[in-house]
């Protein structure tokens, strides 16, 4: 074998070894990092100045403006990616079989009691990824939540189960908090504020029907979102 050929083989081996060492030192993306990427997508949708739909309907379907969210249980998930960046994040989460649930809450949750079943206080959960088990019960102004032996304890926390946590999150945002992480049962929870980024947000959300005892200003939290996530 010629000297040049030997040198080429050795050089290629050194390069390959170096590349392997380089990529081996890059830590894998954590579930929370992917959740924060998902939140960036959600926040982008909430900041759309001319949305075709409002509230939770910006993120999850079927539309639920003016009512509680009701999932279509025949759908694999309640979130439909609309841009390549959205598709990339959902593909990454589903690729590692991460189950993700989504809740939206407003400032009305601070003064509202769970028994009132106020849809302006809290909505959800929506299934953001395939394979996320929805709870059996969703709020209704007629039928109360009646736990039974058929209830799926492995499912996402239902509206009642997550209410107090969402209420705590809204209070923290009004005190200047920027979000936090905690747990609920077998689920990791990430709480993030939704900020009034435009005057039209302030005008709409200062409607006395939402929360008459509080006035929201520009760049303050008008509500928040919760992400429940785990890998089974």
Protein backbone atom coordinates (compact mmCIF):
# COMPACT_ATOMS: atom_id res chain seq x y z
CA UNK A 1 0.00 0.00 0.00
CA UNK A 2 1.31 3.44 -0.89
CA UNK A 3 2.30 5.88 1.85
CA UNK A 4 -0.29 8.41 0.64
CA UNK A 5 -3.06 5.81 0.95
CA UNK A 6 -1.97 4.89 4.46
CA UNK A 7 -1.86 8.54 5.46
CA UNK A 8 -5.35 9.05 4.06
CA UNK A 9 -6.77 6.11 6.02
CA UNK A 10 -5.13 7.27 9.25
CA UNK A 11 -6.36 10.82 8.71
CA UNK A 12 -9.93 9.66 8.10
CA UNK A 13 -9.83 7.51 11.24
CA UNK A 14 -8.63 10.44 13.34
CA UNK A 15 -11.37 12.66 11.91
CA UNK A 16 -14.05 10.04 12.60
CA UNK A 17 -12.82 9.54 16.15
CA UNK A 18 -12.78 13.27 16.69
CA UNK A 19 -16.31 13.70 15.35
CA UNK A 20 -17.60 10.89 17.56
CA UNK A 21 -15.95 12.47 20.60
CA UNK A 22 -17.41 15.87 19.71
CA UNK A 23 -21.00 14.67 19.35
CA UNK A 24 -20.72 12.37 22.35
CA UNK A 25 -20.20 15.43 24.55
CA UNK A 26 -23.40 17.14 23.35
CA UNK A 27 -26.11 16.38 25.96
CA UNK A 28 -29.47 15.15 24.66
CA UNK A 29 -32.40 17.55 24.67
CA UNK A 30 -34.48 17.12 27.84
CA UNK A 31 -38.25 16.77 27.93
CA UNK A 32 -38.50 20.19 29.62
CA UNK A 33 -36.49 21.80 26.82
CA UNK A 34 -38.96 20.38 24.30
CA UNK A 35 -41.86 21.61 26.44
CA UNK A 36 -40.34 25.10 26.41
CA UNK A 37 -40.08 24.89 22.61
CA UNK A 38 -43.73 23.87 22.54
CA UNK A 39 -44.57 26.82 24.79
CA UNK A 40 -42.81 29.18 22.38
CA UNK A 41 -45.14 27.89 19.66
CA UNK A 42 -48.20 28.37 21.87
CA UNK A 43 -47.13 31.88 22.89
CA UNK A 44 -46.65 32.76 19.21
CA UNK A 45 -50.23 31.74 18.52
CA UNK A 46 -51.53 33.79 21.46
CA UNK A 47 -49.64 36.85 20.20
CA UNK A 48 -51.25 36.75 16.76
CA UNK A 49 -52.81 40.23 16.43
CA UNK A 50 -55.53 39.11 14.01
CA UNK A 51 -56.53 35.58 15.01
CA UNK A 52 -59.40 33.81 13.31
CA UNK A 53 -60.30 32.23 16.66
CA UNK A 54 -59.68 33.18 20.29
CA UNK A 55 -58.77 31.62 23.62
CA UNK A 56 -57.89 27.96 23.85
CA UNK A 57 -59.21 27.51 20.32
CA UNK A 58 -56.00 29.15 19.05
CA UNK A 59 -54.16 26.02 20.20
CA UNK A 60 -56.52 23.08 20.55
CA UNK A 61 -59.65 21.94 18.75
CA UNK A 62 -62.54 21.54 18.48
CA UNK A 63 -63.26 25.28 18.97
CA UNK A 64 -64.48 26.10 22.47
CA UNK A 65 -64.89 29.89 22.54
CA UNK A 66 -67.55 30.81 25.11
CA UNK A 67 -67.76 27.30 26.55
CA UNK A 68 -65.73 24.56 28.19
CA UNK A 69 -63.30 22.58 26.04
CA UNK A 70 -64.61 19.24 24.79
CA UNK A 71 -62.15 16.99 22.95
CA UNK A 72 -63.01 14.95 19.92
CA UNK A 73 -62.14 11.54 21.32
CA UNK A 74 -61.81 10.03 17.87
CA UNK A 75 -58.85 12.35 17.15
CA UNK A 76 -55.35 11.15 17.97
CA UNK A 77 -54.57 14.55 19.46
CA UNK A 78 -56.19 17.98 19.88
CA UNK A 79 -53.28 20.06 18.50
CA UNK A 80 -52.66 20.35 14.76
CA UNK A 81 -49.27 21.77 13.67
CA UNK A 82 -49.56 24.61 11.17
CA UNK A 83 -45.89 25.49 10.54
CA UNK A 84 -42.71 23.41 10.06
CA UNK A 85 -41.37 24.51 13.46
CA UNK A 86 -44.56 23.22 15.09
CA UNK A 87 -44.33 19.93 13.23
CA UNK A 88 -40.70 19.54 14.31
CA UNK A 89 -41.46 19.94 18.01
CA UNK A 90 -44.45 17.57 17.96
CA UNK A 91 -42.45 15.01 15.97
CA UNK A 92 -39.62 15.20 18.52
CA UNK A 93 -42.01 14.74 21.46
CA UNK A 94 -43.90 11.88 19.82
CA UNK A 95 -40.63 10.29 18.72
CA UNK A 96 -39.68 9.77 22.36
CA UNK A 97 -43.31 8.88 23.25
CA UNK A 98 -43.72 11.90 25.52
CA UNK A 99 -47.33 12.38 26.56
CA UNK A 100 -48.34 16.05 26.81
CA UNK A 101 -51.52 17.66 28.10
CA UNK A 102 -52.42 21.34 27.84
CA UNK A 103 -54.55 23.65 30.01
CA UNK A 104 -55.41 27.35 29.67
CA UNK A 105 -56.48 29.55 32.57
CA UNK A 106 -57.46 33.20 32.93
CA UNK A 107 -57.28 35.81 35.66
CA UNK A 108 -60.86 34.87 36.63
CA UNK A 109 -59.46 31.76 38.34
CA UNK A 110 -58.11 33.84 41.24
CA UNK A 111 -61.60 34.82 42.46
CA UNK A 112 -63.55 31.81 41.21
CA UNK A 113 -64.38 28.62 43.09
CA UNK A 114 -64.04 25.21 41.40
CA UNK A 115 -67.70 24.49 42.15
CA UNK A 116 -68.71 27.35 39.85
CA UNK A 117 -67.28 25.47 36.84
CA UNK A 118 -66.27 28.78 35.26
CA UNK A 119 -64.95 28.19 31.75
CA UNK A 120 -63.19 31.59 31.87
CA UNK A 121 -61.20 30.36 34.85
CA UNK A 122 -59.82 27.13 33.36
CA UNK A 123 -60.07 24.99 30.23
CA UNK A 124 -58.64 21.59 29.41
CA UNK A 125 -56.94 19.31 29.24
CA UNK A 126 -56.17 18.95 25.55
CA UNK A 127 -53.96 16.13 24.28
CA UNK A 128 -51.01 17.73 22.47
CA UNK A 129 -49.29 14.49 21.42
CA UNK A 130 -50.50 11.11 20.22
CA UNK A 131 -50.94 8.54 22.96
CA UNK A 132 -51.78 11.07 25.68
CA UNK A 133 -54.64 9.59 27.75
CA UNK A 134 -57.46 12.09 28.24
CA UNK A 135 -59.51 11.97 31.46
CA UNK A 136 -62.98 10.49 31.37
CA UNK A 137 -64.59 13.64 32.81
CA UNK A 138 -64.73 17.18 31.41
CA UNK A 139 -66.68 20.05 33.02
CA UNK A 140 -70.37 20.41 32.39
CA UNK A 141 -72.83 22.94 33.75
CA UNK A 142 -75.28 20.08 34.20
CA UNK A 143 -73.42 16.93 35.16
CA UNK A 144 -71.04 16.98 38.15
CA UNK A 145 -67.85 14.98 38.36
CA UNK A 146 -68.67 11.60 39.90
CA UNK A 147 -65.58 9.41 40.37
CA UNK A 148 -66.20 5.73 39.80
CA UNK A 149 -64.24 2.50 39.62
CA UNK A 150 -63.92 2.85 35.83
CA UNK A 151 -62.07 6.16 36.09
CA UNK A 152 -58.65 6.04 34.44
CA UNK A 153 -56.17 7.07 37.14
CA UNK A 154 -53.41 6.93 34.53
CA UNK A 155 -54.97 9.74 32.48
CA UNK A 156 -54.18 13.44 32.51
CA UNK A 157 -55.34 15.28 35.66
CA UNK A 158 -58.86 16.43 34.95
CA UNK A 159 -60.26 19.95 35.35
CA UNK A 160 -60.97 19.60 39.06
CA UNK A 161 -57.65 17.91 39.83
CA UNK A 162 -55.59 20.69 38.22
CA UNK A 163 -57.69 23.67 39.37
CA UNK A 164 -55.82 24.60 42.55
CA UNK A 165 -52.47 24.37 40.80
CA UNK A 166 -53.67 26.67 38.01
CA UNK A 167 -54.99 29.08 40.63
CA UNK A 168 -51.61 29.09 42.39
CA UNK A 169 -49.88 29.72 39.07
CA UNK A 170 -52.07 32.73 38.23
CA UNK A 171 -51.37 34.29 41.61
CA UNK A 172 -47.66 33.81 41.13
CA UNK A 173 -47.80 35.47 37.68
CA UNK A 174 -49.63 38.47 39.12
CA UNK A 175 -46.82 38.74 41.67
CA UNK A 176 -44.28 38.90 38.84
CA UNK A 177 -43.46 35.20 38.51
CA UNK A 178 -42.22 33.92 35.17
CA UNK A 179 -43.24 30.28 35.53
CA UNK A 180 -42.33 27.20 37.53
CA UNK A 181 -42.20 23.41 37.43
CA UNK A 182 -43.85 20.97 39.81
CA UNK A 183 -45.57 17.57 39.76
CA UNK A 184 -49.13 16.29 39.95
CA UNK A 185 -49.40 12.55 40.51
CA UNK A 186 -47.30 10.85 37.83
CA UNK A 187 -47.18 13.99 35.68
CA UNK A 188 -44.55 16.71 35.47
CA UNK A 189 -46.14 20.16 35.29
CA UNK A 190 -44.71 23.31 33.69
CA UNK A 191 -46.59 26.57 34.34
CA UNK A 192 -46.02 29.54 32.02
CA UNK A 193 -47.68 33.01 31.89
CA UNK A 194 -49.49 34.48 28.90
CA UNK A 195 -48.63 38.18 28.66
CA UNK A 196 -50.78 41.04 27.37
CA UNK A 197 -48.44 41.96 24.54
CA UNK A 198 -50.87 44.34 22.79
CA UNK A 199 -53.40 46.96 23.82
CA UNK A 200 -56.22 44.92 22.30
CA UNK A 201 -55.35 42.10 24.75
CA UNK A 202 -55.70 44.54 27.65
CA UNK A 203 -58.97 45.95 26.35
CA UNK A 204 -60.53 42.52 25.89
CA UNK A 205 -59.33 40.95 29.11
CA UNK A 206 -60.31 43.89 31.28
CA UNK A 207 -63.92 43.08 30.52
CA UNK A 208 -65.71 43.06 33.91
CA UNK A 209 -67.20 39.68 33.01
CA UNK A 210 -63.74 38.15 33.31
CA UNK A 211 -62.60 39.58 36.63
CA UNK A 212 -64.22 42.80 37.86
CA UNK A 213 -61.88 43.22 40.85
CA UNK A 214 -58.65 43.47 38.84
CA UNK A 215 -57.29 45.65 36.02
CA UNK A 216 -54.57 44.20 33.81
CA UNK A 217 -51.96 46.48 32.23
CA UNK A 218 -49.87 46.08 29.10
CA UNK A 219 -47.07 43.50 29.50
CA UNK A 220 -48.75 41.93 32.53
CA UNK A 221 -50.09 38.38 32.73
CA UNK A 222 -53.63 38.02 31.45
CA UNK A 223 -53.62 34.29 32.10
CA UNK A 224 -51.41 31.27 31.81
CA UNK A 225 -50.93 27.77 30.49
CA UNK A 226 -50.01 24.46 32.08
CA UNK A 227 -48.22 21.59 30.37
CA UNK A 228 -48.56 18.14 31.93
CA UNK A 229 -45.95 15.80 30.50
CA UNK A 230 -44.26 12.45 31.08
CA UNK A 231 -42.82 9.42 29.35
CA UNK A 232 -44.68 6.27 30.46
